[in-house]
Amino acid sequence: MDLSSNGVPIPFTPELFGPLRPSADLLAPRDPAALRERLHADGYLYLPGFLDRAEVLRLRGRYFSLFPPGFLAAGSDPEEGVFSGRMPRGVPAYGVAGHPAYAFVRSAPFDRFVGNRSLAELAAQLLDADAEMLPRRILRHFHRGTRRASRAHVDFDYMDEGSPHVVTLWIPVGDCPPRTGALVYLEGSHRLAPEEYEPLRDITDRPGDRRQICHDLELTARALGRRWLCADFAAGDVMVHLPRIVHASLDTTTDAMRLSVDTRFVRTGDTPDPRWLKPWSADDGA
């Protein structure tokens, strides 16, 4: 399997990749203490089938239905999200005002989806306190040919002006195996001191942004002596992770597009980072 991130190849070998550990066994019956223990042990929770697959695919279809003709492959269904290979004229840059993603994160169907009570209950159990979702909910959309992906980073570097008691819920809105642009997590990296990966920030394709650790995932894995953990994510799966685990995403190289949602929860009463208190826009700089 050929993989890359931001156009930089990374071999799919046992030396560099391993499987995420599923934690769905802790959901039925729900064991909040065991879930918290697993989250802090691994830095993440991989919860296959946590959401209703049909509901997730309906959201996918609603989003891709917003694009003009010619964006989706001829004869395909919006729920499939199959890229035609060309972007129609007149579509603004991704995620800014006028682009479908900008309007969608402000829509009633999106609010209903992220407002699913099961997500809020899970976050509260993991934070061991009442929890509230931050208003900046992100919609990520990648298609083949863009060579654009999330560089290795930790979430807290993007929200360090508020409470450190944060959990991120990443939801693939559609099936998302590695070649479709899945998230990958650096094994045990939530236990690393920032000083251990600080030198990697000098090896970057974005020298103006020190929040990102590195765009080269093979170099990151070898320098830190850890594997990237991955899975064949499916619609309905949910990933939870701590704010200090190193993670990234792979390039989308399939005809099926990568669509996902990021939501973050903090303990009620904590002071959140103020940059996360307004709706997301791809050009908001947060």
Protein backbone atom coordinates (compact mmCIF):
# COMPACT_ATOMS: atom_id res chain seq x y z
CA MET A 1 0.00 0.00 0.00
CA ASP A 2 1.43 3.37 -1.03
CA LEU A 3 0.92 6.07 1.60
CA SER A 4 1.98 9.69 1.91
CA SER A 5 1.22 12.80 3.92
CA ASN A 6 1.48 16.26 2.37
CA GLY A 7 3.07 14.59 -0.62
CA VAL A 8 5.89 12.98 1.39
CA PRO A 9 5.86 9.17 1.03
CA ILE A 10 5.87 6.92 4.09
CA PRO A 11 6.30 3.13 3.70
CA PHE A 12 3.47 1.04 5.13
CA THR A 13 5.72 -1.36 7.06
CA PRO A 14 5.45 -2.99 10.52
CA GLU A 15 8.39 -0.84 11.59
CA LEU A 16 6.44 2.37 10.96
CA PHE A 17 2.79 1.36 11.40
CA GLY A 18 0.74 -0.63 13.87
CA PRO A 19 -2.97 -1.11 14.66
CA LEU A 20 -5.05 1.09 16.93
CA ARG A 21 -6.48 -0.79 19.91
CA PRO A 22 -10.32 -0.92 19.79
CA SER A 23 -12.15 -0.03 23.01
CA ALA A 24 -15.75 -0.79 22.03
CA ASP A 25 -15.68 -3.66 24.54
CA LEU A 26 -15.83 -1.05 27.32
CA LEU A 27 -19.09 0.41 26.02
CA ALA A 28 -21.54 -2.44 26.63
CA PRO A 29 -22.04 -2.23 29.47
CA ARG A 30 -20.58 1.26 29.73
CA ASP A 31 -17.63 1.43 32.12
CA PRO A 32 -16.63 5.10 32.49
CA ALA A 33 -13.74 4.39 34.87
CA ALA A 34 -12.27 1.79 32.52
CA LEU A 35 -12.73 4.14 29.55
CA ARG A 36 -10.86 6.91 31.38
CA GLU A 37 -8.11 4.50 32.36
CA ARG A 38 -7.74 3.28 28.76
CA LEU A 39 -7.79 6.85 27.40
CA HIS A 40 -4.97 7.95 29.69
CA ALA A 41 -3.01 4.74 29.10
CA ASP A 42 -3.15 4.91 25.28
CA GLY A 43 -3.80 8.62 24.72
CA TYR A 44 -6.81 7.72 22.57
CA LEU A 45 -9.97 5.61 22.40
CA TYR A 46 -10.92 3.88 19.17
CA LEU A 47 -14.67 3.22 19.30
CA PRO A 48 -15.88 1.30 16.22
CA GLY A 49 -19.62 1.55 15.56
CA PHE A 50 -20.29 4.14 18.27
CA LEU A 51 -22.71 6.10 16.03
CA ASP A 52 -25.43 4.94 13.69
CA ARG A 53 -23.84 4.32 10.29
CA ALA A 54 -26.92 5.42 8.33
CA GLU A 55 -27.06 8.73 10.22
CA VAL A 56 -23.40 9.42 9.47
CA LEU A 57 -23.87 8.66 5.79
CA ARG A 58 -26.91 10.93 5.60
CA LEU A 59 -24.76 13.79 6.86
CA ARG A 60 -22.17 12.94 4.21
CA GLY A 61 -24.82 13.03 1.52
CA ARG A 62 -26.22 16.36 2.71
CA TYR A 63 -22.80 17.96 2.55
CA PHE A 64 -21.76 16.70 -0.86
CA SER A 65 -25.19 17.64 -2.27
CA LEU A 66 -24.24 21.30 -1.72
CA PHE A 67 -21.61 21.30 -4.49
CA PRO A 68 -22.40 22.36 -8.07
CA PRO A 69 -22.78 19.80 -10.86
CA GLY A 70 -19.55 18.27 -12.05
CA PHE A 71 -17.90 17.97 -8.65
CA LEU A 72 -19.11 14.42 -7.96
CA ALA A 73 -18.40 11.55 -10.34
CA ALA A 74 -21.14 11.06 -12.91
CA GLY A 75 -23.76 8.56 -11.75
CA SER A 76 -22.56 8.49 -8.15
CA ASP A 77 -24.63 9.17 -5.05
CA PRO A 78 -23.71 12.13 -2.78
CA GLU A 79 -23.42 9.72 0.17
CA GLU A 80 -20.62 7.96 -1.70
CA GLY A 81 -18.70 11.23 -2.04
CA VAL A 82 -16.81 10.15 -5.15
CA PHE A 83 -14.67 12.93 -6.61
CA SER A 84 -14.98 13.59 -10.35
CA GLY A 85 -11.41 14.83 -10.56
CA ARG A 86 -12.25 18.47 -11.13
CA MET A 87 -13.47 21.39 -9.05
CA PRO A 88 -16.21 23.40 -10.79
CA ARG A 89 -15.55 27.08 -11.37
CA GLY A 90 -16.82 29.53 -8.83
CA VAL A 91 -16.30 27.42 -5.70
CA PRO A 92 -14.33 29.54 -3.19
CA ALA A 93 -11.29 28.27 -1.33
CA TYR A 94 -12.02 25.42 1.08
CA GLY A 95 -13.79 26.38 4.28
CA VAL A 96 -14.04 30.16 3.75
CA ALA A 97 -17.26 32.15 3.34
CA GLY A 98 -19.06 30.94 0.22
CA HIS A 99 -17.61 27.42 0.33
CA PRO A 100 -20.11 24.67 1.24
CA ALA A 101 -18.11 23.67 4.34
CA TYR A 102 -18.42 27.19 5.79
CA ALA A 103 -22.21 27.17 5.55
CA PHE A 104 -22.54 23.53 6.56
CA VAL A 105 -20.92 23.91 10.01
CA ARG A 106 -23.49 26.65 10.67
CA SER A 107 -26.47 24.58 9.52
CA ALA A 108 -29.24 22.85 11.48
CA PRO A 109 -28.38 19.33 10.18
CA PHE A 110 -24.79 19.75 11.34
CA ASP A 111 -25.91 21.09 14.73
CA ARG A 112 -28.19 18.08 15.20
CA PHE A 113 -25.41 15.67 14.28
CA VAL A 114 -22.74 17.04 16.62
CA GLY A 115 -25.41 17.61 19.26
CA ASN A 116 -26.01 13.86 19.53
CA ARG A 117 -26.51 13.21 23.24
CA SER A 118 -24.30 10.12 23.15
CA LEU A 119 -21.27 12.25 22.19
CA ALA A 120 -21.83 14.70 25.05
CA GLU A 121 -22.39 11.88 27.54
CA LEU A 122 -19.19 10.16 26.43
CA ALA A 123 -17.20 13.39 26.80
CA ALA A 124 -18.61 14.01 30.28
CA GLN A 125 -17.71 10.49 31.38
CA LEU A 126 -14.18 10.86 30.07
CA LEU A 127 -13.68 14.27 31.69
CA ASP A 128 -15.34 12.95 34.86
CA ALA A 129 -17.39 16.15 35.07
CA ASP A 130 -20.18 17.99 33.32
CA ALA A 131 -18.91 18.92 29.87
CA GLU A 132 -19.69 21.39 27.14
CA MET A 133 -18.83 21.37 23.46
CA LEU A 134 -16.72 24.23 22.13
CA PRO A 135 -18.46 26.22 19.36
CA ARG A 136 -15.55 25.85 16.92
CA ARG A 137 -16.47 22.52 15.30
CA ILE A 138 -14.30 21.70 12.28
CA LEU A 139 -15.29 20.01 9.03
CA ARG A 140 -12.31 18.50 7.17
CA HIS A 141 -12.70 17.67 3.49
CA PHE A 142 -9.86 16.33 1.34
CA HIS A 143 -9.89 14.83 -2.15
CA ARG A 144 -7.25 13.10 -4.21
CA GLY A 145 -4.72 15.33 -5.88
CA THR A 146 -4.59 18.00 -3.21
CA ARG A 147 -1.63 16.52 -1.30
CA ARG A 148 -2.90 18.40 1.71
CA ALA A 149 -3.14 16.74 5.10
CA SER A 150 -2.74 17.52 8.79
CA ARG A 151 0.91 17.66 9.75
CA ALA A 152 2.14 15.97 12.92
CA HIS A 153 0.93 18.08 15.82
CA VAL A 154 -0.64 18.07 19.28
CA ASP A 155 -4.00 19.76 19.74
CA PHE A 156 -2.94 21.69 22.81
CA ASP A 157 -0.53 23.80 20.77
CA TYR A 158 -3.61 25.18 19.00
CA MET A 159 -5.64 25.84 22.15
CA ASP A 160 -3.07 26.67 24.82
CA GLU A 161 -4.84 29.82 26.00
CA GLY A 162 -7.41 27.84 27.95
CA SER A 163 -8.01 24.81 30.12
CA PRO A 164 -5.85 21.73 29.43
CA HIS A 165 -8.79 19.50 30.37
CA VAL A 166 -9.99 18.89 26.81
CA VAL A 167 -11.00 15.82 24.83
CA THR A 168 -11.25 15.75 21.05
CA LEU A 169 -13.80 13.58 19.27
CA TRP A 170 -12.85 12.86 15.65
CA ILE A 171 -15.65 11.42 13.55
CA PRO A 172 -15.06 10.08 10.04
CA VAL A 173 -18.11 11.02 7.98
CA GLY A 174 -17.89 8.01 5.70
CA ASP A 175 -15.56 5.05 5.43
CA CYS A 176 -11.98 6.22 5.86
CA PRO A 177 -9.19 3.65 5.50
CA PRO A 178 -5.59 4.93 5.47
CA ARG A 179 -5.51 5.69 1.71
CA THR A 180 -8.62 7.87 2.06
CA GLY A 181 -6.75 10.18 4.43
CA ALA A 182 -7.29 8.68 7.87
CA LEU A 183 -5.85 10.04 11.09
CA VAL A 184 -2.78 8.29 12.49
CA TYR A 185 -1.52 8.49 16.08
CA LEU A 186 2.08 8.27 17.24
CA GLU A 187 2.20 5.41 19.72
CA GLY A 188 2.53 6.53 23.35
CA SER A 189 3.38 10.07 22.33
CA HIS A 190 1.09 11.67 24.93
CA ARG A 191 3.81 10.79 27.44
CA LEU A 192 6.54 12.65 25.55
CA ALA A 193 7.84 15.94 26.91
CA PRO A 194 7.52 18.70 24.28
CA GLU A 195 11.30 19.11 24.38
CA GLU A 196 11.66 15.63 22.86
CA TYR A 197 9.98 16.61 19.58
CA GLU A 198 10.87 20.30 19.57
CA PRO A 199 13.88 19.81 17.19
CA LEU A 200 11.53 18.37 14.56
CA ARG A 201 9.76 21.73 14.25
CA ASP A 202 12.81 22.99 12.35
CA ILE A 203 12.14 20.41 9.59
CA THR A 204 8.96 21.75 8.11
CA ASP A 205 7.24 22.92 4.95
CA ARG A 206 5.59 25.72 6.96
CA PRO A 207 8.41 27.55 8.75
CA GLY A 208 6.08 30.33 9.82
CA ASP A 209 3.92 28.09 12.02
CA ARG A 210 5.74 26.59 15.01
CA ARG A 211 2.60 24.85 16.24
CA GLN A 212 3.17 22.06 13.74
CA ILE A 213 5.80 19.48 14.61
CA CYS A 214 6.74 18.07 11.20
CA HIS A 215 5.24 17.34 7.78
CA ASP A 216 7.43 14.26 7.26
CA LEU A 217 5.77 11.37 9.10
CA GLU A 218 8.51 8.80 8.45
CA LEU A 219 11.14 11.17 9.83
CA THR A 220 8.93 11.88 12.86
CA ALA A 221 8.43 8.17 13.62
CA ARG A 222 12.11 7.33 13.24
CA ALA A 223 13.34 10.33 15.22
CA LEU A 224 11.04 9.52 18.14
CA GLY A 225 11.34 5.73 17.87
CA ARG A 226 7.60 5.12 17.67
CA ARG A 227 5.08 3.70 15.22
CA TRP A 228 2.08 5.43 13.71
CA LEU A 229 -1.13 3.64 14.73
CA CYS A 230 -3.96 3.42 12.21
CA ALA A 231 -7.23 1.66 11.37
CA ASP A 232 -9.67 1.10 8.52
CA PHE A 233 -12.19 3.58 9.90
CA ALA A 234 -15.83 3.13 8.94
CA ALA A 235 -18.85 5.42 9.07
CA GLY A 236 -20.12 5.22 12.65
CA ASP A 237 -16.68 4.99 14.26
CA VAL A 238 -15.49 7.64 16.73
CA MET A 239 -11.97 8.44 17.86
CA VAL A 240 -11.32 10.24 21.14
CA HIS A 241 -7.90 11.63 21.96
CA LEU A 242 -6.07 13.64 24.56
CA PRO A 243 -4.73 17.12 23.72
CA ARG A 244 -1.06 16.09 23.95
CA ILE A 245 -0.93 13.01 21.72
CA VAL A 246 0.96 13.51 18.46
CA HIS A 247 -1.24 12.79 15.47
CA ALA A 248 -1.47 13.60 11.77
CA SER A 249 -3.40 12.57 8.68
CA LEU A 250 -2.48 10.80 5.48
CA ASP A 251 -3.08 12.03 1.95
CA THR A 252 -6.33 11.14 0.24
CA THR A 253 -5.49 9.02 -2.81
CA THR A 254 -8.83 7.26 -3.37
CA ASP A 255 -11.73 8.43 -5.54
CA ALA A 256 -13.86 8.48 -2.37
CA MET A 257 -13.24 11.77 -0.55
CA ARG A 258 -12.23 12.13 3.09
CA LEU A 259 -14.84 13.98 5.18
CA SER A 260 -14.62 14.24 8.97
CA VAL A 261 -15.76 16.28 11.94
CA ASP A 262 -13.68 17.45 14.91
CA THR A 263 -15.50 18.42 18.11
CA ARG A 264 -13.87 19.32 21.40
CA PHE A 265 -15.30 19.26 24.91
CA VAL A 266 -14.13 20.96 28.11
CA ARG A 267 -15.31 20.66 31.67
CA THR A 268 -18.22 22.97 32.42
CA GLY A 269 -16.91 25.94 34.37
CA ASP A 270 -13.38 25.71 32.96
CA THR A 271 -12.04 28.63 30.93
CA PRO A 272 -11.74 27.55 27.29
CA ASP A 273 -9.34 29.02 24.76
CA PRO A 274 -11.21 32.11 23.44
CA ARG A 275 -10.24 31.28 19.84
CA TRP A 276 -12.56 28.27 20.06
CA LEU A 277 -15.67 30.21 21.07
CA LYS A 278 -16.85 31.12 17.58
CA PRO A 279 -17.78 28.98 14.55
CA TRP A 280 -14.94 27.56 12.48
CA SER A 281 -13.70 29.08 9.27
CA ALA A 282 -10.68 27.74 7.41
CA ASP A 283 -9.09 31.20 7.43
CA ASP A 284 -9.69 32.06 11.09
CA GLY A 285 -6.06 31.43 12.05
CA ALA A 286 -6.92 29.35 15.15
